[in-house]
Every structure is written in C-alpha cells, then in structure tokens.
Amino acid sequence: MDLSQRKEQILSAVAEFYISVGEPVGSRYLAGALPFSVSPATIRNEMAELSAMGYLEQPHTSAGRVPSDLGMRYYAERLIKPVPPTQSEIFRLLSGVDHTQGDPRSILGDAAELISELTGLPAVFTTPFAPEAEIRGVQVVPAGAHAAMVLLTTSAGVLGSRIAHLPDGADYGTLELFYNAAAANFIGVRCADVDRAMLQTVALNLGERALSVAPMLTSLFDAVADSTEPGAVCRGARRLLQTPLRPDAGAIIELTADRKRLLRVLGGGEATGRRDGMLLSIGRENAESCLRRASVVALPYKAGNAGGLLGVLGPTRMDYAHVTELLRYAAGVTGGMIAEATAETTKEQETMFYGKR
C-alpha cells in the first residue's frame, strides 16, 4: 500500500530516530524534525493512522511510537536515502580481499570479514551456485601412503575436495588410472547429471582395475554432490554480543554455525524473484524464533554464470541506508573477482588436461 507523502515523511523520521537512538519518538520531537510545519496534534493523528495501518507500534501506553516490522520494511525498501561507501571503505574492500587465491569461498570469506568489521555486524554469504554448472577439472594428489585428495573445479567457480582412503596404497599407477578415467568421463559433464549409475558405468569399463580406484570415484561423486547446493557461511557472529541482539546472541550464533539452517534463513541462497534482487527479512518475517528482533539483508553477486548472496545479520534497527549500499558495492567487486579467478582456474585446468592450445 502506498502512503501519502506526509505519512511517508513521518514514518521515515520515526524510523531514522529509532535507528539512531533506539527509543520511541513522540509528536513534539517530530514537529521540529519534519521538513514541513505542522502541529503536534496533526502529527499525533497521522501517527495514530499509521499505527492502525500496522506501520507503527506503541511499546508503552504513554510512550511514543517505533516502526513495526512492516513499517521498517516500508522504510528500508522505499524511503531510505542511499549512503554510498566512503573512500576508506572502498579502499578496505579493494585492498583487503586476496583475489589471487583463486578460491571463491576464500574471496567471499575475506569480503565478509571486512563487511563485518565495517558494519559491526555478522556478515553472511552463500557460495557460488549455478544449476547448469559443469565439471571443469578433476585432480588427484597423494595425501599419505594410503590416501589421496580428490579436487574438483566446476564452471560455477566451486572448488571441492574429498579425501579417499586407499587400502592398497596410493601408488602412481593407481592415481594415474583415476586421473585418466576422470578426464575421459567427467570433464564437461553437468554436475547435476553425475549419479551413481554413471559411476557404475565408469567402473564397469575399467574392469578388474576398478576396485583400486573405487574410493576415489566415490570421493569424486561426493564432491560433485556438494557442489550442486550452495553453501552458507557466517563471519563475525560474536559481534552480536555488542548489539541490541545480545540476549539472543547464543541462539543466533548456534544458528549461523548450522549450514542448512543458515541457508534456509537466506532463502536457499538464490536471489531471483526479489525486489532489485535484494533479500530483506525483518523481525517476525524470519521463521527462526531467535531472529524475531533481527533483520537479514543480502544482495546478489554475479560471477559468470554463477551467483549467490552477500549480506549481514543484525538488529531490526540497523542502518539500512549504509548497509545496503556497502553490500551492493561489495557484491559487485566480489563477483568480478570470483569471475576472474574462475576463468584463470579453468584455463589452468584445461592446460593440465589437454595441453597448451
């Protein structure tokens, strides 16, 4: 529902006061804060109407008003005046993320750590996800006398790894056999198309030699299965102890350590179908009871044909005007870094498997 211009200005003033001070605001303060001249009585009438519409709440009988979850959403989506990142924040983001690592998760982790420092709030992200992602590279590295690490790279920039235990030993011939079988059967295949029937077919074609590489084939299958779902990670969760969410901090920290629960909070990690691609969940809109006084704000990043979300978790009275624009900038920069790193990794993998062209 669209509000009148005067109601929007009153709601905006109430929200900004509440975000800044954390206290209810009354009509006398608003009479001096609004950009137009109006009596406290008229403001009280407007505030009463906003309350009846569900945009304001009155915590105590004699207190002023605070925004409801609905009112804070209206403010965050329609009324905020964007506050772009400062030059100092831009420098921190550009210089503090090590994009030479090549691993999207590490790049996102660096960005999330910086966002958490700059906002004073926990930062969250989902790993790159693309439903049509293909396997771009498979490597195998000795990890002891009886173990090998299977490494996976996808076109979505996902880097996965699993340890395979080899009872008969990790000799060069066994590793080479698996490497050649992986190169011949899995490179260029959609991750979603890799199933146990495909592994069985590869094993049958290897004949009696299949037994020695079976653990590595199983590890490859597990790594591919992991890559078909976005992961969810939180950085700086203990900063909740310095926010109004401190009474709920323990339960929220426990939530952020659970990948599946955090992924549900982030809407499954996909940004499609939301206004401007933004994920915004305020207060009681969150399914998790420990987040009933919290907000989740996340912006999509795009890295080639893959993408995910980068956001923060904090109190409902967080500084949306600053947080949203900082995330928008960070998502653009981070997505570009991941796309570049993925392209370099893909080039190295193709050189490794097919030689220089």
Protein backbone atom coordinates (compact mmCIF):
# COMPACT_ATOMS: atom_id res chain seq x y z
CA MET A 1 0.00 0.00 0.00
CA ASP A 2 1.31 3.45 -0.93
CA LEU A 3 1.28 6.06 1.81
CA SER A 4 0.72 9.79 1.39
CA GLN A 5 3.82 11.95 1.22
CA ARG A 6 3.21 13.30 4.73
CA LYS A 7 2.76 9.84 6.21
CA GLU A 8 5.94 8.70 4.45
CA GLN A 9 7.90 11.63 5.90
CA ILE A 10 6.60 10.91 9.40
CA LEU A 11 7.37 7.19 9.09
CA SER A 12 10.85 8.00 7.78
CA ALA A 13 11.54 10.38 10.66
CA VAL A 14 10.34 7.83 13.23
CA ALA A 15 12.48 5.08 11.66
CA GLU A 16 15.61 7.24 11.47
CA PHE A 17 15.23 8.38 15.09
CA TYR A 18 14.68 4.80 16.25
CA ILE A 19 17.68 3.52 14.29
CA SER A 20 19.88 6.28 15.73
CA VAL A 21 18.68 6.34 19.36
CA GLY A 22 16.80 3.09 19.90
CA GLU A 23 13.92 4.84 21.69
CA PRO A 24 10.30 5.62 20.77
CA VAL A 25 9.69 9.06 19.30
CA GLY A 26 6.86 11.45 20.14
CA SER A 27 4.96 14.10 18.24
CA ARG A 28 6.81 17.04 19.88
CA TYR A 29 10.16 15.85 18.56
CA LEU A 30 8.72 15.20 15.12
CA ALA A 31 7.19 18.69 14.97
CA GLY A 32 10.72 20.12 14.94
CA ALA A 33 12.35 17.37 12.88
CA LEU A 34 9.99 17.21 9.90
CA PRO A 35 10.77 19.26 6.74
CA PHE A 36 7.35 20.94 6.91
CA SER A 37 5.43 22.90 9.50
CA VAL A 38 2.63 21.02 11.22
CA SER A 39 1.17 20.95 14.72
CA PRO A 40 1.92 18.14 17.21
CA ALA A 41 -1.84 17.35 17.23
CA THR A 42 -1.84 16.74 13.48
CA ILE A 43 1.26 14.57 13.81
CA ARG A 44 -0.43 12.55 16.57
CA ASN A 45 -3.40 11.95 14.29
CA GLU A 46 -1.12 10.82 11.44
CA MET A 47 0.82 8.55 13.81
CA ALA A 48 -2.44 7.04 15.07
CA GLU A 49 -3.45 6.28 11.49
CA LEU A 50 -0.02 4.76 10.74
CA SER A 51 -0.43 2.61 13.86
CA ALA A 52 -3.88 1.47 12.76
CA MET A 53 -2.40 0.55 9.36
CA GLY A 54 0.30 -1.53 11.06
CA TYR A 55 3.32 0.66 10.26
CA LEU A 56 3.96 1.98 13.80
CA GLU A 57 3.78 0.43 17.25
CA GLN A 58 3.45 1.95 20.72
CA PRO A 59 5.62 -0.06 23.16
CA HIS A 60 4.03 1.57 26.24
CA THR A 61 0.78 3.48 26.81
CA SER A 62 2.49 6.81 27.49
CA ALA A 63 5.44 6.27 25.12
CA GLY A 64 5.97 7.48 21.60
CA ARG A 65 6.00 5.24 18.54
CA VAL A 66 8.52 2.91 16.94
CA PRO A 67 8.34 1.31 13.48
CA SER A 68 6.72 -2.10 13.30
CA ASP A 69 8.34 -4.80 11.16
CA LEU A 70 6.01 -3.71 8.35
CA GLY A 71 6.95 -0.07 8.86
CA MET A 72 10.66 -0.84 8.88
CA ARG A 73 10.28 -2.82 5.65
CA TYR A 74 8.43 0.10 4.01
CA TYR A 75 11.20 2.43 5.17
CA ALA A 76 14.05 0.13 4.07
CA GLU A 77 12.55 -0.59 0.65
CA ARG A 78 11.14 2.82 -0.28
CA LEU A 79 12.26 5.68 1.94
CA ILE A 80 15.97 5.36 2.73
CA LYS A 81 18.34 7.89 1.26
CA PRO A 82 21.25 5.74 -0.01
CA VAL A 83 24.59 6.35 1.73
CA PRO A 84 27.39 5.24 -0.65
CA PRO A 85 30.52 3.59 0.79
CA THR A 86 33.21 6.03 1.86
CA GLN A 87 36.55 6.17 0.06
CA SER A 88 38.09 4.49 3.11
CA GLU A 89 35.58 1.61 2.93
CA ILE A 90 36.16 1.21 -0.81
CA PHE A 91 39.92 1.08 -0.24
CA ARG A 92 39.50 -1.53 2.51
CA LEU A 93 37.39 -3.75 0.26
CA LEU A 94 39.67 -3.42 -2.78
CA SER A 95 42.89 -3.96 -0.85
CA GLY A 96 41.69 -6.40 1.81
CA VAL A 97 40.36 -9.17 -0.43
CA ASP A 98 43.06 -11.50 -1.74
CA HIS A 99 41.66 -12.27 -5.19
CA THR A 100 44.86 -14.13 -6.17
CA GLN A 101 43.78 -17.12 -4.06
CA GLY A 102 41.60 -18.45 -6.87
CA ASP A 103 39.13 -19.98 -4.41
CA PRO A 104 35.69 -18.24 -4.46
CA ARG A 105 34.99 -19.30 -0.87
CA SER A 106 38.22 -17.62 0.31
CA ILE A 107 37.44 -14.45 -1.66
CA LEU A 108 33.95 -14.32 -0.18
CA GLY A 109 35.35 -15.06 3.28
CA ASP A 110 37.75 -12.10 3.04
CA ALA A 111 34.93 -9.82 1.85
CA ALA A 112 32.62 -11.00 4.64
CA GLU A 113 35.28 -10.39 7.30
CA LEU A 114 35.73 -6.83 6.04
CA ILE A 115 31.98 -6.17 5.85
CA SER A 116 31.62 -7.44 9.42
CA GLU A 117 34.39 -5.08 10.57
CA LEU A 118 32.93 -2.09 8.70
CA THR A 119 29.35 -2.59 9.90
CA GLY A 120 29.94 -4.12 13.33
CA LEU A 121 27.53 -6.90 12.35
CA PRO A 122 27.91 -10.57 11.39
CA ALA A 123 28.30 -10.98 7.63
CA VAL A 124 26.87 -13.95 5.73
CA PHE A 125 27.36 -15.32 2.25
CA THR A 126 26.38 -18.23 0.05
CA THR A 127 28.91 -19.96 -2.18
CA PRO A 128 28.57 -19.63 -5.98
CA PHE A 129 25.77 -21.72 -7.38
CA ALA A 130 24.68 -22.40 -10.94
CA PRO A 131 22.10 -25.10 -11.76
CA GLU A 132 23.78 -25.75 -15.13
CA ALA A 133 27.36 -25.87 -13.79
CA GLU A 134 29.72 -28.32 -15.49
CA ILE A 135 32.80 -30.13 -14.22
CA ARG A 136 35.84 -28.25 -15.49
CA GLY A 137 38.66 -30.07 -13.73
CA VAL A 138 39.48 -33.06 -11.53
CA GLN A 139 42.82 -33.53 -9.85
CA VAL A 140 44.18 -36.15 -7.50
CA VAL A 141 47.00 -35.53 -5.03
CA PRO A 142 48.73 -38.08 -2.75
CA ALA A 143 47.82 -37.49 0.90
CA GLY A 144 49.92 -40.18 2.54
CA ALA A 145 50.79 -43.80 1.88
CA HIS A 146 47.16 -44.92 1.82
CA ALA A 147 45.16 -41.79 0.96
CA ALA A 148 44.64 -39.30 -1.85
CA MET A 149 42.84 -35.97 -2.10
CA VAL A 150 40.38 -35.62 -4.98
CA LEU A 151 39.97 -32.00 -6.10
CA LEU A 152 37.05 -30.72 -8.17
CA THR A 153 36.57 -27.48 -10.13
CA THR A 154 33.24 -26.51 -11.72
CA SER A 155 32.24 -23.85 -14.22
CA ALA A 156 30.46 -22.06 -11.35
CA GLY A 157 33.80 -21.50 -9.66
CA VAL A 158 33.16 -24.08 -6.97
CA LEU A 159 36.28 -25.80 -5.68
CA GLY A 160 35.57 -29.03 -3.82
CA SER A 161 37.77 -31.66 -2.24
CA ARG A 162 37.42 -35.05 -0.57
CA ILE A 163 39.90 -37.47 0.95
CA ALA A 164 39.84 -41.03 -0.47
CA HIS A 165 41.28 -43.83 1.65
CA LEU A 166 43.15 -46.38 -0.45
CA PRO A 167 43.74 -49.71 1.35
CA ASP A 168 46.06 -50.92 -1.43
CA GLY A 169 48.19 -47.79 -1.33
CA ALA A 170 48.36 -44.51 -3.27
CA ASP A 171 50.86 -45.59 -5.90
CA TYR A 172 51.44 -43.58 -9.07
CA GLY A 173 49.76 -46.12 -11.33
CA THR A 174 46.50 -46.07 -9.34
CA LEU A 175 46.42 -42.28 -9.25
CA GLU A 176 47.12 -42.05 -12.97
CA LEU A 177 44.37 -44.55 -13.73
CA PHE A 178 41.80 -42.49 -11.81
CA TYR A 179 43.07 -39.23 -13.32
CA ASN A 180 42.68 -40.55 -16.88
CA ALA A 181 39.25 -42.04 -16.17
CA ALA A 182 38.06 -38.73 -14.67
CA ALA A 183 39.39 -36.72 -17.61
CA ALA A 184 37.71 -39.01 -20.13
CA ASN A 185 34.32 -39.39 -18.44
CA PHE A 186 33.55 -36.34 -16.29
CA ILE A 187 35.09 -33.19 -17.80
CA GLY A 188 32.35 -31.11 -19.45
CA VAL A 189 29.53 -33.09 -17.79
CA ARG A 190 26.84 -31.21 -15.86
CA CYS A 191 27.24 -31.70 -12.13
CA ALA A 192 23.51 -32.45 -11.87
CA ASP A 193 23.93 -35.35 -14.32
CA VAL A 194 26.54 -37.18 -12.25
CA ASP A 195 24.82 -40.03 -10.43
CA ARG A 196 25.74 -43.43 -9.06
CA ALA A 197 24.66 -45.15 -12.29
CA MET A 198 27.26 -43.09 -14.16
CA LEU A 199 29.95 -44.09 -11.65
CA GLN A 200 28.99 -47.75 -12.04
CA THR A 201 29.31 -47.45 -15.82
CA VAL A 202 32.79 -45.94 -15.48
CA ALA A 203 33.76 -48.70 -13.04
CA LEU A 204 32.49 -51.44 -15.38
CA ASN A 205 34.56 -50.01 -18.23
CA LEU A 206 37.67 -50.21 -16.02
CA GLY A 207 37.13 -53.92 -15.43
CA GLU A 208 39.21 -55.56 -12.72
CA ARG A 209 41.17 -52.33 -12.24
CA ALA A 210 38.04 -50.57 -10.93
CA LEU A 211 38.49 -51.89 -7.39
CA SER A 212 41.68 -49.90 -6.84
CA VAL A 213 40.13 -46.55 -7.89
CA ALA A 214 36.64 -47.09 -6.42
CA PRO A 215 37.34 -44.99 -3.28
CA MET A 216 38.44 -42.06 -5.47
CA LEU A 217 35.36 -42.37 -7.68
CA THR A 218 33.20 -42.29 -4.54
CA SER A 219 35.04 -39.20 -3.27
CA LEU A 220 34.55 -37.50 -6.64
CA PHE A 221 30.82 -38.30 -6.52
CA ASP A 222 30.56 -36.80 -3.01
CA ALA A 223 32.44 -33.64 -4.06
CA VAL A 224 30.16 -33.21 -7.08
CA ALA A 225 27.07 -33.73 -4.90
CA ASP A 226 28.29 -31.00 -2.52
CA SER A 227 28.75 -28.60 -5.45
CA THR A 228 25.12 -28.90 -6.55
CA GLU A 229 23.91 -27.00 -3.46
CA PRO A 230 25.04 -23.56 -2.33
CA GLY A 231 26.83 -23.42 0.99
CA ALA A 232 26.10 -20.78 3.63
CA VAL A 233 28.79 -19.23 5.84
CA CYS A 234 28.82 -16.56 8.58
CA ARG A 235 31.74 -14.38 9.66
CA GLY A 236 31.89 -12.27 12.83
CA ALA A 237 28.94 -13.88 14.63
CA ARG A 238 30.31 -12.89 18.05
CA ARG A 239 29.81 -9.23 17.16
CA LEU A 240 26.18 -9.88 18.11
CA LEU A 241 27.31 -9.55 21.72
CA GLN A 242 27.85 -5.81 21.10
CA THR A 243 24.40 -5.24 19.55
CA PRO A 244 20.83 -4.99 20.92
CA LEU A 245 20.53 -8.68 19.96
CA ARG A 246 22.82 -9.71 22.82
CA PRO A 247 20.07 -11.63 24.72
CA ASP A 248 19.51 -13.77 21.60
CA ALA A 249 23.19 -13.96 20.62
CA GLY A 250 23.79 -17.52 21.82
CA ALA A 251 20.88 -18.96 19.84
CA ILE A 252 21.76 -16.92 16.74
CA ILE A 253 25.43 -17.95 16.87
CA GLU A 254 24.29 -21.58 17.08
CA LEU A 255 22.06 -20.98 14.04
CA THR A 256 24.86 -19.43 11.98
CA ALA A 257 27.07 -22.47 12.64
CA ASP A 258 24.44 -24.75 11.08
CA ARG A 259 24.82 -24.56 7.27
CA LYS A 260 21.34 -25.87 6.49
CA ARG A 261 19.53 -23.57 8.92
CA LEU A 262 21.52 -20.55 7.77
CA LEU A 263 20.80 -21.41 4.16
CA ARG A 264 17.07 -21.51 4.94
CA VAL A 265 17.35 -18.08 6.56
CA LEU A 266 18.93 -16.86 3.33
CA GLY A 267 16.04 -18.21 1.28
CA GLY A 268 18.00 -21.12 -0.11
CA GLY A 269 20.79 -18.84 -1.36
CA GLU A 270 19.05 -17.71 -4.55
CA ALA A 271 18.34 -14.02 -5.17
CA THR A 272 15.90 -14.34 -8.06
CA GLY A 273 12.35 -13.06 -7.75
CA ARG A 274 13.07 -10.45 -5.09
CA ARG A 275 12.80 -6.70 -5.40
CA ASP A 276 16.05 -5.48 -7.01
CA GLY A 277 17.42 -8.94 -6.23
CA MET A 278 17.64 -7.97 -2.54
CA LEU A 279 16.82 -10.37 0.26
CA LEU A 280 15.23 -8.49 3.16
CA SER A 281 13.71 -10.33 6.13
CA ILE A 282 12.70 -8.19 9.10
CA GLY A 283 11.75 -9.32 12.59
CA ARG A 284 8.82 -11.70 12.67
CA GLU A 285 9.17 -12.32 8.94
CA ASN A 286 12.05 -14.64 9.91
CA ALA A 287 10.99 -18.24 10.51
CA GLU A 288 13.64 -18.78 13.20
CA SER A 289 12.34 -17.63 16.61
CA CYS A 290 15.76 -16.31 17.67
CA LEU A 291 15.61 -13.82 14.77
CA ARG A 292 12.30 -12.22 15.75
CA ARG A 293 14.15 -9.00 16.69
CA ALA A 294 16.66 -9.29 13.84
CA SER A 295 16.91 -8.39 10.19
CA VAL A 296 18.72 -10.15 7.36
CA VAL A 297 19.80 -8.00 4.40
CA ALA A 298 21.62 -9.56 1.45
CA LEU A 299 22.43 -8.51 -2.11
CA PRO A 300 23.17 -10.86 -5.02
CA TYR A 301 26.63 -11.15 -6.54
CA LYS A 302 27.13 -12.48 -10.04
CA ALA A 303 30.23 -14.40 -11.11
CA GLY A 304 29.95 -15.52 -14.72
CA ASN A 305 27.02 -17.93 -14.95
CA ALA A 306 27.00 -18.49 -11.17
CA GLY A 307 25.98 -16.33 -8.26
CA GLY A 308 25.00 -16.13 -4.62
CA LEU A 309 24.22 -13.72 -1.80
CA LEU A 310 26.38 -11.45 0.36
CA GLY A 311 24.75 -9.86 3.37
CA VAL A 312 24.59 -9.03 7.07
CA LEU A 313 22.53 -10.10 10.05
CA GLY A 314 21.70 -7.56 12.73
CA PRO A 315 19.02 -5.82 14.79
CA THR A 316 15.87 -4.57 13.07
CA ARG A 317 17.08 -1.01 13.70
CA MET A 318 20.29 -1.42 11.69
CA ASP A 319 21.46 1.39 9.43
CA TYR A 320 19.84 0.13 6.22
CA ALA A 321 20.87 3.20 4.19
CA HIS A 322 24.58 2.49 4.76
CA VAL A 323 24.48 -1.31 4.96
CA THR A 324 22.54 -1.76 1.71
CA GLU A 325 24.88 0.40 -0.39
CA LEU A 326 28.02 -1.11 1.18
CA LEU A 327 26.72 -4.59 0.32
CA ARG A 328 25.78 -3.51 -3.20
CA TYR A 329 29.32 -2.27 -3.85
CA ALA A 330 30.97 -5.28 -2.18
CA ALA A 331 28.79 -7.71 -4.14
CA GLY A 332 29.81 -6.11 -7.44
CA VAL A 333 33.51 -6.13 -6.62
CA THR A 334 33.48 -9.65 -5.17
CA GLY A 335 31.54 -11.11 -8.09
CA GLY A 336 34.08 -9.65 -10.51
CA MET A 337 36.98 -11.09 -8.53
CA ILE A 338 35.38 -14.54 -8.44
CA ALA A 339 34.65 -14.48 -12.18
CA GLU A 340 38.27 -13.55 -12.91
CA ALA A 341 39.65 -16.19 -10.54
CA THR A 342 37.34 -18.85 -12.01
CA ALA A 343 38.44 -18.02 -15.55
CA GLU A 344 42.11 -18.36 -14.54
CA THR A 345 41.47 -21.66 -12.76
CA THR A 346 39.57 -23.01 -15.76
CA LYS A 347 42.42 -22.05 -18.09
CA GLU A 348 44.93 -23.83 -15.84
CA GLN A 349 42.74 -26.94 -15.68
CA GLU A 350 42.29 -27.06 -19.45
CA THR A 351 46.04 -26.71 -19.93
CA MET A 352 46.62 -29.51 -17.43
CA PHE A 353 44.16 -31.91 -19.12
CA TYR A 354 44.53 -31.02 -22.77
CA GLY A 355 47.88 -29.28 -23.04
CA LYS A 356 48.50 -25.81 -24.46
CA ARG A 357 46.44 -24.90 -27.50
